Protein backbone atom coordinates (compact mmCIF):
# COMPACT_ATOMS: atom_id res chain seq x y z
CA UNK A 1 -24.54 11.22 -15.62
CA UNK A 2 -21.31 10.19 -17.23
CA UNK A 3 -18.41 12.17 -15.76
CA UNK A 4 -16.16 13.73 -18.48
CA UNK A 5 -12.37 14.02 -18.24
CA UNK A 6 -10.07 16.20 -20.31
CA UNK A 7 -6.63 14.63 -19.87
CA UNK A 8 -3.64 16.74 -21.12
CA UNK A 9 -0.34 14.93 -21.89
CA UNK A 10 2.82 16.52 -23.33
CA UNK A 11 5.71 14.24 -24.06
CA UNK A 12 8.87 15.91 -25.34
CA UNK A 13 11.34 13.07 -25.74
CA UNK A 14 10.36 9.50 -24.86
CA UNK A 15 6.96 7.93 -24.79
CA UNK A 16 6.72 7.13 -21.07
CA UNK A 17 4.35 9.94 -20.15
CA UNK A 18 1.93 8.93 -22.86
CA UNK A 19 2.09 5.13 -22.01
CA UNK A 20 1.28 5.84 -18.32
CA UNK A 21 -1.48 8.17 -19.25
CA UNK A 22 -3.10 5.91 -21.70
CA UNK A 23 -3.19 3.13 -19.03
CA UNK A 24 -5.05 5.54 -16.84
CA UNK A 25 -7.36 6.65 -19.62
CA UNK A 26 -8.27 2.96 -20.33
CA UNK A 27 -9.05 2.38 -16.60
CA UNK A 28 -11.26 5.62 -16.54
CA UNK A 29 -13.13 4.52 -19.64
CA UNK A 30 -13.72 1.06 -18.22
CA UNK A 31 -15.00 2.68 -15.02
CA UNK A 32 -17.63 4.69 -17.03
CA UNK A 33 -15.87 7.97 -17.55
CA UNK A 34 -15.92 9.81 -20.89
CA UNK A 35 -12.24 10.61 -21.61
CA UNK A 36 -10.73 13.02 -24.10
CA UNK A 37 -6.88 12.87 -24.28
CA UNK A 38 -5.13 16.00 -25.55
CA UNK A 39 -1.76 14.91 -26.88
CA UNK A 40 0.91 17.49 -27.49
CA UNK A 41 3.93 15.48 -28.56
CA UNK A 42 4.84 13.61 -31.70
CA UNK A 43 2.03 11.15 -32.61
CA UNK A 44 2.45 7.66 -31.24
CA UNK A 45 0.48 5.22 -33.56
CA UNK A 46 -2.08 2.96 -31.82
CA UNK A 47 -1.47 4.28 -28.40
CA UNK A 48 -5.03 5.07 -27.29
CA UNK A 49 -7.40 2.36 -26.07
CA UNK A 50 -10.89 1.90 -27.36
CA UNK A 51 -13.45 4.30 -25.82
CA UNK A 52 -11.03 7.24 -25.44
CA UNK A 53 -11.32 10.30 -27.78
CA UNK A 54 -8.19 12.00 -29.10
CA UNK A 55 -7.18 15.55 -29.75
CA UNK A 56 -3.73 15.83 -31.32
CA UNK A 57 -2.35 19.34 -30.95
CA UNK A 58 0.23 20.60 -33.41
CA UNK A 59 3.16 18.49 -32.11
CA UNK A 60 6.08 19.80 -30.14
CA UNK A 61 9.30 18.00 -29.17
CA UNK A 62 12.43 18.93 -27.23
CA UNK A 63 15.46 20.27 -29.04
CA UNK A 64 18.73 18.37 -29.17
CA UNK A 65 20.42 20.58 -26.57
CA UNK A 66 17.70 21.57 -24.13
CA UNK A 67 14.17 20.66 -23.07
CA UNK A 68 13.28 24.39 -23.16
CA UNK A 69 13.96 24.42 -26.85
CA UNK A 70 10.63 23.54 -28.45
CA UNK A 71 10.62 22.24 -32.06
CA UNK A 72 7.88 21.32 -34.39
CA UNK A 73 7.59 17.81 -35.92
CA UNK A 74 9.76 19.16 -38.76
CA UNK A 75 12.47 20.16 -36.31
CA UNK A 76 11.76 23.89 -36.83
CA UNK A 77 11.67 26.26 -33.88
CA UNK A 78 8.16 26.67 -32.58
CA UNK A 79 7.32 30.30 -33.22
CA UNK A 80 4.54 32.43 -31.59
CA UNK A 81 2.07 31.69 -34.34
CA UNK A 82 2.53 27.93 -33.79
CA UNK A 83 2.13 28.27 -30.06
CA UNK A 84 -0.96 30.47 -30.45
CA UNK A 85 -2.60 27.82 -32.61
CA UNK A 86 -1.94 25.15 -30.04
CA UNK A 87 -3.36 27.48 -27.30
CA UNK A 88 -6.47 28.14 -29.33
CA UNK A 89 -7.14 24.38 -30.00
CA UNK A 90 -6.66 23.62 -26.24
CA UNK A 91 -9.03 26.25 -25.08
CA UNK A 92 -11.56 25.19 -27.79
CA UNK A 93 -11.31 21.69 -26.38
CA UNK A 94 -12.20 22.93 -22.93
CA UNK A 95 -15.24 24.69 -24.31
CA UNK A 96 -16.38 21.70 -26.37
CA UNK A 97 -15.89 18.92 -23.85
CA UNK A 98 -17.06 20.81 -20.83
CA UNK A 99 -15.25 18.46 -18.56
CA UNK A 100 -16.05 17.65 -14.93
CA UNK A 101 -12.37 16.90 -14.37
CA UNK A 102 -9.17 18.29 -15.98
CA UNK A 103 -6.20 16.13 -15.58
CA UNK A 104 -2.77 17.55 -16.38
CA UNK A 105 0.17 15.13 -16.60
CA UNK A 106 3.51 16.28 -15.00
CA UNK A 107 2.65 20.01 -14.66
CA UNK A 108 3.34 21.99 -12.68
CA UNK A 109 6.15 19.83 -11.24
CA UNK A 110 7.57 19.63 -14.73
CA UNK A 111 6.97 21.05 -18.12
CA UNK A 112 7.62 24.78 -17.38
CA UNK A 113 8.12 25.37 -21.11
CA UNK A 114 4.44 24.71 -21.49
CA UNK A 115 3.32 27.68 -19.44
CA UNK A 116 2.33 29.54 -22.63
CA UNK A 117 -0.73 27.27 -23.02
CA UNK A 118 -1.33 25.72 -19.60
CA UNK A 119 -1.61 28.94 -17.59
CA UNK A 120 -4.31 30.26 -20.11
CA UNK A 121 -6.05 26.86 -19.79
CA UNK A 122 -5.96 27.06 -16.00
CA UNK A 123 -7.25 30.61 -15.95
CA UNK A 124 -10.04 29.64 -18.32
CA UNK A 125 -10.88 26.65 -15.92
CA UNK A 126 -10.93 28.94 -12.95
CA UNK A 127 -13.29 31.47 -14.51
CA UNK A 128 -15.91 28.86 -15.52
CA UNK A 129 -19.21 28.92 -13.55
CA UNK A 130 -19.13 25.08 -13.70
CA UNK A 131 -15.44 24.92 -12.85
CA UNK A 132 -14.11 21.40 -13.21
CA UNK A 133 -11.85 19.73 -10.68
CA UNK A 134 -8.18 20.25 -11.64
CA UNK A 135 -5.80 17.35 -11.00
CA UNK A 136 -2.02 17.06 -11.33
CA UNK A 137 -0.96 13.56 -12.29
CA UNK A 138 2.68 12.69 -11.60
CA UNK A 139 5.06 9.73 -11.49
CA UNK A 140 6.53 8.51 -8.23
CA UNK A 141 10.10 9.87 -8.51
CA UNK A 142 10.47 13.52 -9.83
CA UNK A 143 13.55 14.82 -11.43
CA UNK A 144 15.29 16.90 -8.78
CA UNK A 145 15.57 20.53 -9.89
CA UNK A 146 18.88 22.47 -10.09
CA UNK A 147 16.99 25.71 -9.69
CA UNK A 148 15.07 26.03 -6.38
CA UNK A 149 12.71 28.66 -7.77
CA UNK A 150 11.20 26.07 -10.09
CA UNK A 151 9.93 24.12 -7.04
CA UNK A 152 8.55 27.27 -5.51
CA UNK A 153 6.72 28.10 -8.74
CA UNK A 154 5.25 24.59 -8.78
CA UNK A 155 4.11 24.98 -5.21
CA UNK A 156 2.49 28.34 -5.89
CA UNK A 157 0.71 27.10 -9.07
CA UNK A 158 -0.68 24.06 -7.11
CA UNK A 159 -2.13 26.27 -4.43
CA UNK A 160 -3.59 28.64 -6.92
CA UNK A 161 -5.14 26.41 -9.55
CA UNK A 162 -5.17 22.78 -8.57
CA UNK A 163 -7.55 20.71 -6.41
CA UNK A 164 -5.49 17.52 -6.00
CA UNK A 165 -2.27 15.77 -6.80
CA UNK A 166 -2.30 12.10 -7.73
CA UNK A 167 1.17 10.50 -7.14
CA UNK A 168 1.25 7.36 -9.26
CA UNK A 169 3.50 5.34 -6.87
CA UNK A 170 3.68 3.17 -3.84
CA UNK A 171 4.99 4.96 -0.71
CA UNK A 172 7.08 1.78 0.13
CA UNK A 173 9.22 2.50 -2.87
CA UNK A 174 9.26 6.30 -3.01
CA UNK A 175 7.54 9.31 -1.37
CA UNK A 176 7.00 12.79 -2.87
CA UNK A 177 8.91 14.60 -0.09
CA UNK A 178 12.16 12.98 -1.33
CA UNK A 179 12.05 14.80 -4.61
CA UNK A 180 9.74 17.82 -3.96
CA UNK A 181 10.89 20.01 -1.00
CA UNK A 182 7.39 21.62 -0.50
CA UNK A 183 5.51 18.32 -0.18
CA UNK A 184 4.46 19.20 3.42
CA UNK A 185 2.76 22.31 2.22
CA UNK A 186 0.53 20.46 -0.16
CA UNK A 187 0.14 17.26 1.87
CA UNK A 188 -3.72 17.67 2.10
CA UNK A 189 -3.96 17.74 -1.66
CA UNK A 190 -1.91 14.48 -2.18
CA UNK A 191 -3.13 10.96 -2.77
CA UNK A 192 -0.94 7.98 -3.80
CA UNK A 193 -2.60 5.69 -6.35
CA UNK A 194 -0.12 2.92 -6.45
CA UNK A 195 2.15 2.24 -9.48
CA UNK A 196 0.30 2.41 -12.82
CA UNK A 197 1.17 -1.09 -13.96
CA UNK A 198 -0.11 -2.93 -17.03
CA UNK A 199 -3.06 -5.29 -16.97
CA UNK A 200 -2.25 -8.77 -15.89
CA UNK A 201 -1.05 -10.99 -18.71
CA UNK A 202 -3.54 -13.71 -19.38
CA UNK A 203 -2.51 -14.89 -22.86
CA UNK A 204 0.88 -16.04 -24.36
CA UNK A 205 2.34 -13.94 -27.17
CA UNK A 206 2.39 -15.22 -30.79
CA UNK A 207 6.17 -15.37 -30.49
CA UNK A 208 8.24 -16.02 -27.45
CA UNK A 209 11.78 -14.67 -26.68
CA UNK A 210 14.07 -15.69 -23.97
CA UNK A 211 15.74 -12.23 -23.68
CA UNK A 212 13.98 -8.94 -24.32
CA UNK A 213 16.17 -5.86 -24.86
CA UNK A 214 14.18 -2.48 -24.78
CA UNK A 215 14.94 1.14 -24.72
CA UNK A 216 11.51 2.80 -24.13
CA UNK A 217 11.12 5.46 -26.78
CA UNK A 218 14.72 5.13 -27.81
CA UNK A 219 15.63 8.82 -27.66
CA UNK A 220 17.82 8.75 -24.54
CA UNK A 221 21.06 6.91 -25.39
CA UNK A 222 18.99 4.04 -26.68
CA UNK A 223 21.47 3.23 -29.46
CA UNK A 224 24.33 2.80 -26.98
CA UNK A 225 22.31 0.52 -24.61
CA UNK A 226 20.96 -1.55 -27.47
CA UNK A 227 24.32 -2.00 -29.14
CA UNK A 228 26.04 -3.11 -25.96
CA UNK A 229 23.25 -5.54 -25.11
CA UNK A 230 23.24 -7.07 -28.59
CA UNK A 231 27.06 -7.52 -28.38
CA UNK A 232 26.74 -9.16 -24.96
CA UNK A 233 24.78 -12.07 -26.37
CA UNK A 234 27.66 -14.40 -27.24
CA UNK A 235 29.22 -13.69 -23.89
CA UNK A 236 26.31 -15.14 -21.95
CA UNK A 237 24.92 -18.63 -21.15
CA UNK A 238 21.94 -17.58 -23.34
CA UNK A 239 24.04 -17.20 -26.49
CA UNK A 240 21.91 -19.75 -28.27
CA UNK A 241 18.60 -18.47 -27.02
CA UNK A 242 16.08 -16.31 -28.80
CA UNK A 243 16.73 -12.59 -28.35
CA UNK A 244 14.48 -9.63 -29.35
CA UNK A 245 15.76 -6.04 -29.32
CA UNK A 246 13.25 -3.11 -29.45
CA UNK A 247 14.79 0.06 -30.69
CA UNK A 248 11.94 2.37 -29.73
CA UNK A 249 9.99 4.63 -32.14
CA UNK A 250 12.33 7.63 -31.57
CA UNK A 251 15.79 6.00 -31.98
CA UNK A 252 18.07 8.28 -34.04
CA UNK A 253 17.88 6.94 -37.54
CA UNK A 254 21.53 7.45 -38.09
CA UNK A 255 22.10 4.36 -35.97
CA UNK A 256 19.84 2.04 -37.80
CA UNK A 257 22.26 0.50 -40.18
CA UNK A 258 24.89 -0.35 -37.59
CA UNK A 259 22.19 -1.78 -35.27
CA UNK A 260 20.76 -3.84 -38.05
CA UNK A 261 24.14 -5.27 -38.84
CA UNK A 262 24.98 -5.94 -35.21
CA UNK A 263 21.58 -7.68 -34.71
CA UNK A 264 22.06 -9.83 -37.78
CA UNK A 265 25.59 -10.87 -36.82
CA UNK A 266 24.47 -11.87 -33.31
CA UNK A 267 21.18 -13.56 -34.50
CA UNK A 268 19.08 -11.00 -32.57
CA UNK A 269 15.56 -10.09 -33.96
CA UNK A 270 15.39 -6.27 -34.10
CA UNK A 271 12.02 -4.43 -34.14
CA UNK A 272 11.10 -0.83 -33.48
CA UNK A 273 8.14 -1.18 -30.99
CA UNK A 274 5.64 -3.65 -29.64
CA UNK A 275 2.12 -2.81 -28.32
CA UNK A 276 2.45 -5.07 -25.20
CA UNK A 277 5.87 -5.34 -23.72
CA UNK A 278 4.49 -6.93 -20.58
CA UNK A 279 3.16 -9.91 -22.45
CA UNK A 280 6.65 -10.63 -23.90
CA UNK A 281 8.30 -10.18 -20.51
CA UNK A 282 5.85 -12.64 -18.90
CA UNK A 283 7.37 -15.42 -20.94
CA UNK A 284 10.98 -14.26 -21.13
CA UNK A 285 13.99 -15.37 -18.90
CA UNK A 286 15.49 -11.97 -18.61
CA UNK A 287 15.04 -8.29 -19.61
CA UNK A 288 17.66 -5.66 -20.39
CA UNK A 289 16.32 -2.15 -20.27
CA UNK A 290 16.58 1.41 -18.95
CA UNK A 291 14.75 2.13 -15.66
CA UNK A 292 11.86 4.20 -16.88
CA UNK A 293 8.67 4.15 -14.91
CA UNK A 294 6.60 2.10 -17.37
CA UNK A 295 9.21 -0.57 -18.17
CA UNK A 296 9.85 -1.05 -14.45
CA UNK A 297 6.03 -1.42 -13.95
CA UNK A 298 5.92 -4.07 -16.69
CA UNK A 299 8.84 -5.93 -15.03
CA UNK A 300 7.27 -5.76 -11.57
CA UNK A 301 3.94 -6.98 -12.90
CA UNK A 302 5.41 -9.97 -14.78
CA UNK A 303 8.16 -10.97 -12.34
CA UNK A 304 10.77 -11.12 -15.16
CA UNK A 305 14.37 -11.02 -14.12
CA UNK A 306 15.73 -7.60 -14.92
CA UNK A 307 19.00 -5.95 -15.79
CA UNK A 308 18.45 -2.19 -15.52
CA UNK A 309 20.74 0.28 -17.30
CA UNK A 310 19.30 3.55 -16.05
CA UNK A 311 19.59 6.65 -18.21
CA UNK A 312 21.71 9.26 -16.49
CA UNK A 313 22.09 12.17 -18.95
CA UNK A 314 22.85 15.64 -17.85
CA UNK A 315 21.20 16.35 -14.47
CA UNK A 316 19.05 13.24 -14.84
CA UNK A 317 18.78 11.16 -11.66
CA UNK A 318 15.18 9.71 -11.66
CA UNK A 319 15.98 6.38 -13.40
CA UNK A 320 19.20 5.92 -11.31
CA UNK A 321 17.19 6.45 -8.09
CA UNK A 322 14.54 3.89 -9.18
CA UNK A 323 17.17 1.33 -10.23
CA UNK A 324 19.02 1.65 -6.96
CA UNK A 325 15.76 1.11 -4.96
CA UNK A 326 14.86 -1.99 -6.97
CA UNK A 327 18.33 -3.37 -6.65
CA UNK A 328 18.20 -2.92 -2.86
CA UNK A 329 15.02 -4.87 -2.72
CA UNK A 330 16.39 -7.79 -4.77
CA UNK A 331 14.01 -6.91 -7.72
CA UNK A 332 16.72 -6.20 -10.33
CA UNK A 333 20.32 -6.25 -11.27
CA UNK A 334 21.81 -2.86 -12.24
CA UNK A 335 24.60 -1.60 -14.62
CA UNK A 336 25.45 2.00 -13.97
CA UNK A 337 25.41 4.41 -16.86
CA UNK A 338 29.11 4.95 -16.85
CA UNK A 339 29.76 1.17 -16.73
CA UNK A 340 27.72 0.03 -19.72
CA UNK A 341 29.62 -2.43 -21.94
CA UNK A 342 28.83 -5.77 -23.46
CA UNK A 343 30.96 -7.50 -20.86
CA UNK A 344 29.19 -5.64 -17.94
CA UNK A 345 25.75 -6.43 -19.36
CA UNK A 346 26.72 -10.02 -19.84
CA UNK A 347 27.94 -10.34 -16.28
CA UNK A 348 24.67 -8.74 -15.00
CA UNK A 349 22.58 -11.23 -17.08
CA UNK A 350 24.47 -14.10 -15.37
CA UNK A 351 23.84 -12.45 -12.00
CA UNK A 352 20.13 -12.01 -12.68
CA UNK A 353 19.79 -15.64 -13.93
CA UNK A 354 21.37 -16.94 -10.76
CA UNK A 355 18.98 -14.98 -8.45
CA UNK A 356 15.55 -16.05 -7.44
CA UNK A 357 12.52 -14.77 -9.57
CA UNK A 358 11.57 -11.33 -8.27
CA UNK A 359 8.35 -11.08 -6.36
CA UNK A 360 7.05 -7.84 -5.04
CA UNK A 361 4.13 -6.72 -2.80
CA UNK A 362 4.26 -3.16 -4.29
CA UNK A 363 0.81 -1.89 -5.50
CA UNK A 364 0.73 -2.06 -9.24
CA UNK A 365 -3.00 -1.22 -9.74
CA UNK A 366 -2.63 2.57 -9.82
CA UNK A 367 -4.81 2.98 -12.93
CA UNK A 368 -7.90 1.43 -11.48
CA UNK A 369 -7.28 3.29 -8.18
CA UNK A 370 -7.03 6.56 -10.10
CA UNK A 371 -10.56 6.00 -11.33
CA UNK A 372 -11.89 5.18 -7.82
CA UNK A 373 -10.11 8.32 -6.37
CA UNK A 374 -11.49 10.73 -9.00
CA UNK A 375 -15.02 9.43 -8.27
CA UNK A 376 -14.48 10.00 -4.58
CA UNK A 377 -13.18 13.55 -5.24
CA UNK A 378 -16.27 14.36 -7.26
CA UNK A 379 -18.53 12.97 -4.57
CA UNK A 380 -16.78 14.94 -1.90
CA UNK A 381 -17.14 18.09 -3.95
CA UNK A 382 -20.82 17.46 -4.67
């Protein structure tokens, strides 16, 4: 019998949650699982691998001032009717797929604004005679909460509704107890999968670039980082090299004209997005990027020299923590959020070029391990 997985993913700003989840979905499909991904954010073209079914809910995104402000794709406030329709489609998917496993990305450690549909989903799962396993799928470093009650709520929801927590990280880089204060109370539920890295690069890209500047989805200060990196080009020893800048699919369009002009004047190729960043990094001399989970996984897999400019918006510390730890291990050079400028990035590029190529023993095969772990959990339950 082919095990069936219903995999829920809600991205509100960038595309990182979706990228990590689609890597896991690919590994599950390759391992013989039937996978249906339920996507709740703005559509990301071409994101799903072959063999994975897709259900796109009416999209939601975060408002400009708060993650709790939920907007439709037309930037209108999501009213109760809109939420009710999403909830109906999600519950219908549960009835139609009849999954053996429900994987929920980020929740309940994050996404409290999605209680309106996830609590009814979890209640429906709990009431089924053929109740599927319920898995929480999270990255290695969580965003620390300013309100302690949110961690308490997460713990209580885990103990009430969930069977297991998959932490997609390597304990040598980060451990759950560092960012979740109740980790000891759920320790028996937790398994580390390793970092969900990209597949190993086996072919060269059609075009090669010496420097890759990327901003992930582009929604988190991407314009500022991109502009500073482009202006850094003539200040470096790679001024005559080939540079590619990736703006990300969600970069604020008001910045497009200025970025296009800056790229043209500095002879930098500017594109919105590429399907396989790791393939480009494998043949580049240096990368300039934020310190999101997936970009870092790509850098570790390819061994590309890295200049990390971690996003550090209001109460955001996850990327800074990741960048610090990589710098401590000699795996990256870092420019702090408050220090970003063309000169600072240029100096960091020279520092990265002078260093040895980064090599790591961190486990980057978290996607394949996730498939193995889910099979083991099903066997234990049987």
